[in-house]
Amino acid sequence: MGVNISKISKKTKKTDTLNFHIISLFPESFDSYIDKSIIARAIEKKFIKVEFYNPKIFATPNPAGISKVDDRPYGGGPGMVIKAEPILKSVEKIFSKKTIVKTKTLIVFLSPSGVQFDTELATKFSKKYKDIIIVCGRYEGIDARVKKVFPMIDVSVGPWVTTGGELPALIMIDVIARQVEGVLGKFESREESRISSSDVYTRPEVLIYKNKKYKVPKVLLSGNHKEIDKWKENSGLK
């Protein structure tokens, strides 16, 4: 089961708060980033909301009275696998909220083999959905049967494997939040929506370092916006 990305509309206008529901064994690892700068202001102004659900809370105690969220993988192999039940109960907890509309809710299963996450996909998510659930894996992964119970989309943030899903989830929150009107103040200030260059300059006009002068490109001092845009476009292509 899964979500058909091709059916995600680009035209849907969203003005409500975009809610992120993060299922993670280590929710505290998000604090230092979402409590600062643009994301913090977006939360304060209610453009976005970020809530956390720890599967440890939903783990069933074993006969010895110990609650475990992981166990050995069937078929052998190193490491441990997160059990399905704590994840399923976390998702159920989210869907128990009266504000949740299933047709406006997306569940993301972070996986190295998933569809490549990029700005275009982030924009589609921000326009289509009111609630985005992100399931963060750990150890050797999560019991794959959770995807048979709840329709999910497998997403990868890049061609690598991270220790856990928390860092990829942070990337997704940041990139998707940027697409929500109001988060960046002026919506047109997003680099992805205007002509921009990876090379930028500020004062002084002439930087002197170890007796060598480094100057700002003359075109940027010309006041000719047409030529400046052309320079930025060419610089971005390089």
Protein backbone atom coordinates (compact mmCIF):
# COMPACT_ATOMS: atom_id res chain seq x y z
CA MET A 1 0.00 0.00 0.00
CA GLY A 2 1.17 3.53 -0.64
CA VAL A 3 0.40 7.03 -1.83
CA ASN A 4 0.33 7.86 -5.54
CA ILE A 5 2.50 10.98 -5.84
CA SER A 6 1.18 11.77 -9.30
CA LYS A 7 -2.26 12.38 -7.79
CA ILE A 8 -0.99 15.09 -5.43
CA SER A 9 -2.51 18.31 -6.77
CA LYS A 10 -0.43 21.44 -7.28
CA LYS A 11 -3.48 23.72 -7.35
CA THR A 12 -4.97 23.21 -3.89
CA LYS A 13 -4.78 26.44 -1.87
CA LYS A 14 -3.88 25.96 1.80
CA THR A 15 -4.26 28.64 4.43
CA ASP A 16 -4.71 26.56 7.62
CA THR A 17 -1.94 25.66 10.03
CA LEU A 18 0.21 22.85 8.65
CA ASN A 19 0.64 20.22 11.35
CA PHE A 20 3.66 17.95 11.58
CA HIS A 21 3.25 14.82 13.72
CA ILE A 22 6.64 13.23 14.42
CA ILE A 23 6.85 9.64 15.64
CA SER A 24 10.29 9.29 17.19
CA LEU A 25 12.08 7.46 19.98
CA PHE A 26 14.20 10.58 20.55
CA PRO A 27 11.93 13.63 20.26
CA GLU A 28 14.32 15.74 22.35
CA SER A 29 16.82 15.65 19.47
CA PHE A 30 14.58 18.14 17.58
CA ASP A 31 14.59 20.83 20.25
CA SER A 32 17.75 22.74 19.37
CA TYR A 33 16.57 23.33 15.79
CA ILE A 34 12.83 23.89 15.91
CA ASP A 35 13.13 26.19 18.94
CA LYS A 36 15.21 28.67 16.96
CA SER A 37 14.94 31.15 14.11
CA ILE A 38 12.44 30.78 11.25
CA ILE A 39 10.86 27.49 12.39
CA ALA A 40 10.33 28.84 15.92
CA ARG A 41 8.66 31.98 14.55
CA ALA A 42 6.49 29.92 12.21
CA ILE A 43 5.29 27.85 15.18
CA GLU A 44 4.71 30.97 17.30
CA LYS A 45 2.62 32.56 14.53
CA LYS A 46 0.71 29.28 14.01
CA PHE A 47 1.73 28.83 10.38
CA ILE A 48 2.95 25.38 11.37
CA LYS A 49 2.70 23.13 14.41
CA VAL A 50 5.05 20.30 15.42
CA GLU A 51 3.95 17.55 17.80
CA PHE A 52 5.82 14.46 18.96
CA TYR A 53 4.74 10.90 19.77
CA ASN A 54 7.19 8.53 21.43
CA PRO A 55 6.51 4.83 20.62
CA LYS A 56 8.04 3.89 23.99
CA ILE A 57 4.82 5.06 25.63
CA PHE A 58 2.85 2.48 23.66
CA ALA A 59 5.18 -0.49 24.14
CA THR A 60 3.55 -3.55 25.73
CA PRO A 61 5.40 -4.99 28.76
CA ASN A 62 6.81 -8.51 28.32
CA PRO A 63 6.30 -11.28 30.93
CA ALA A 64 9.16 -9.79 32.94
CA GLY A 65 7.35 -6.45 33.05
CA ILE A 66 9.83 -4.73 30.75
CA SER A 67 8.47 -2.57 27.92
CA LYS A 68 10.52 -2.96 24.75
CA VAL A 69 10.00 -1.19 21.45
CA ASP A 70 12.42 -3.44 19.56
CA ASP A 71 13.23 -7.10 19.06
CA ARG A 72 15.47 -9.41 17.00
CA PRO A 73 14.79 -9.53 13.25
CA TYR A 74 13.22 -12.63 11.72
CA GLY A 75 15.61 -14.29 9.28
CA GLY A 76 18.63 -13.31 11.34
CA GLY A 77 21.00 -10.42 10.96
CA PRO A 78 22.62 -7.82 13.20
CA GLY A 79 20.82 -5.18 15.25
CA MET A 80 17.25 -4.85 16.37
CA VAL A 81 13.99 -3.94 14.63
CA ILE A 82 11.35 -1.57 16.02
CA LYS A 83 8.12 -3.46 16.63
CA ALA A 84 5.01 -2.69 14.64
CA GLU A 85 2.60 -2.29 17.57
CA PRO A 86 4.13 0.83 19.21
CA ILE A 87 4.25 2.57 15.83
CA LEU A 88 0.67 1.59 14.97
CA LYS A 89 -0.57 2.84 18.33
CA SER A 90 1.30 6.11 17.80
CA VAL A 91 -0.47 6.59 14.46
CA GLU A 92 -3.80 5.66 16.06
CA LYS A 93 -3.19 8.31 18.71
CA ILE A 94 -2.75 10.93 16.00
CA PHE A 95 -5.88 9.84 14.12
CA SER A 96 -7.87 9.97 17.35
CA LYS A 97 -7.62 13.78 17.27
CA LYS A 98 -10.88 15.40 16.24
CA THR A 99 -9.06 17.83 13.94
CA ILE A 100 -7.58 15.08 11.76
CA VAL A 101 -9.12 14.55 8.32
CA LYS A 102 -7.76 11.34 6.78
CA THR A 103 -8.03 12.61 3.20
CA LYS A 104 -5.90 15.62 4.20
CA THR A 105 -3.32 13.57 6.09
CA LEU A 106 -0.10 12.11 4.69
CA ILE A 107 2.04 9.48 6.42
CA VAL A 108 5.73 9.53 5.49
CA PHE A 109 7.87 6.46 6.12
CA LEU A 110 11.52 7.54 5.96
CA SER A 111 13.48 5.02 3.92
CA PRO A 112 16.75 5.12 1.92
CA SER A 113 14.89 3.37 -0.91
CA GLY A 114 12.02 5.88 -0.97
CA VAL A 115 11.15 8.55 -3.53
CA GLN A 116 13.70 11.38 -3.59
CA PHE A 117 12.55 14.34 -1.49
CA ASP A 118 13.03 17.73 -3.14
CA THR A 119 11.52 21.22 -3.21
CA GLU A 120 8.91 20.26 -5.80
CA LEU A 121 7.66 17.41 -3.62
CA ALA A 122 7.74 19.65 -0.55
CA THR A 123 5.56 22.20 -2.34
CA LYS A 124 3.03 19.52 -3.31
CA PHE A 125 2.89 18.26 0.29
CA SER A 126 2.39 21.77 1.69
CA LYS A 127 -0.51 22.49 -0.68
CA LYS A 128 -2.28 19.15 -0.50
CA TYR A 129 -2.12 18.18 3.17
CA LYS A 130 -3.20 19.68 6.47
CA ASP A 131 -1.42 17.05 8.59
CA ILE A 132 1.86 15.28 7.81
CA ILE A 133 2.91 12.30 9.92
CA ILE A 134 6.62 11.43 9.73
CA VAL A 135 7.72 8.04 11.06
CA CYS A 136 11.36 8.11 12.19
CA GLY A 137 13.17 4.79 12.15
CA ARG A 138 16.08 3.64 14.31
CA TYR A 139 18.34 0.62 14.67
CA GLU A 140 17.79 -1.77 11.73
CA GLY A 141 14.44 -0.21 10.85
CA ILE A 142 10.73 -0.65 11.57
CA ASP A 143 8.61 -3.76 11.08
CA ALA A 144 7.38 -3.35 7.50
CA ARG A 145 3.86 -4.47 8.39
CA VAL A 146 3.02 -0.96 9.61
CA LYS A 147 2.84 0.01 5.91
CA LYS A 148 0.28 -2.72 5.31
CA VAL A 149 -2.01 -1.25 7.98
CA PHE A 150 -1.67 2.45 7.10
CA PRO A 151 -1.07 3.79 3.55
CA MET A 152 2.30 5.55 3.54
CA ILE A 153 4.76 7.03 1.12
CA ASP A 154 8.41 5.97 1.39
CA VAL A 155 10.63 9.07 1.22
CA SER A 156 14.41 9.47 1.11
CA VAL A 157 16.18 12.79 1.72
CA GLY A 158 19.34 11.69 -0.06
CA PRO A 159 21.60 8.87 -1.27
CA TRP A 160 22.87 7.92 2.16
CA VAL A 161 21.83 6.16 5.36
CA THR A 162 21.56 8.10 8.62
CA THR A 163 21.63 6.63 12.13
CA GLY A 164 17.98 7.53 12.62
CA GLY A 165 15.10 9.29 10.95
CA GLU A 166 15.28 12.41 13.12
CA LEU A 167 17.70 14.35 10.92
CA PRO A 168 15.79 13.56 7.68
CA ALA A 169 12.56 14.56 9.46
CA LEU A 170 14.09 17.91 10.41
CA ILE A 171 15.08 18.48 6.79
CA MET A 172 11.54 17.74 5.65
CA ILE A 173 9.99 20.06 8.26
CA ASP A 174 12.31 22.89 7.23
CA VAL A 175 11.85 22.51 3.47
CA ILE A 176 8.07 21.99 3.61
CA ALA A 177 7.57 24.85 6.08
CA ARG A 178 9.32 27.22 3.65
CA GLN A 179 6.55 26.58 1.14
CA VAL A 180 3.86 27.78 3.57
CA GLU A 181 2.92 31.38 2.84
CA GLY A 182 3.87 33.63 5.75
CA VAL A 183 6.67 31.50 7.16
CA LEU A 184 9.42 33.51 5.43
CA GLY A 185 7.67 36.88 5.71
CA LYS A 186 7.74 37.78 2.04
CA PHE A 187 6.76 34.65 0.13
CA GLU A 188 8.85 35.74 -2.86
CA SER A 189 11.97 35.76 -0.66
CA ARG A 190 12.32 32.00 -1.15
CA GLU A 191 15.47 31.35 -3.20
CA GLU A 192 13.70 28.55 -5.05
CA SER A 193 11.03 30.94 -6.38
CA ARG A 194 13.30 33.65 -7.79
CA ILE A 195 16.50 34.10 -9.73
CA SER A 196 19.32 33.52 -7.27
CA SER A 197 22.98 32.63 -7.19
CA SER A 198 25.09 30.56 -4.84
CA ASP A 199 27.58 33.47 -4.88
CA VAL A 200 26.46 36.48 -2.81
CA TYR A 201 28.31 39.59 -1.61
CA THR A 202 27.94 42.33 0.98
CA ARG A 203 29.98 45.23 2.38
CA PRO A 204 32.83 46.15 2.08
CA GLU A 205 33.02 46.62 -1.67
CA VAL A 206 36.74 45.75 -1.55
CA LEU A 207 37.86 43.06 0.88
CA ILE A 208 41.56 43.16 1.76
CA TYR A 209 42.99 39.93 3.12
CA LYS A 210 46.74 39.41 3.54
CA ASN A 211 47.47 42.40 1.30
CA LYS A 212 45.34 41.01 -1.51
CA LYS A 213 42.18 42.73 -2.77
CA TYR A 214 38.95 40.86 -3.44
CA LYS A 215 36.31 42.94 -5.23
CA VAL A 216 32.56 42.62 -5.66
CA PRO A 217 31.65 41.88 -9.33
CA LYS A 218 31.03 45.20 -11.09
CA VAL A 219 27.65 44.14 -12.43
CA LEU A 220 26.28 43.95 -8.88
CA LEU A 221 27.19 47.60 -8.37
CA SER A 222 25.69 48.77 -11.67
CA GLY A 223 22.06 49.13 -10.62
CA ASN A 224 21.07 47.42 -13.88
CA HIS A 225 18.64 44.79 -12.59
CA LYS A 226 18.29 43.09 -15.95
CA GLU A 227 22.05 42.51 -16.13
CA ILE A 228 22.18 41.56 -12.45
CA ASP A 229 19.48 38.91 -12.99
CA LYS A 230 21.39 37.62 -16.01
CA TRP A 231 24.58 37.39 -13.90
CA LYS A 232 22.73 35.55 -11.12
CA GLU A 233 21.22 33.12 -13.60
CA ASN A 234 24.58 32.39 -15.23
CA SER A 235 26.28 32.11 -11.85
CA GLY A 236 23.59 29.69 -10.66
CA LEU A 237 24.07 27.53 -13.75
CA LYS A 238 27.80 27.31 -13.10
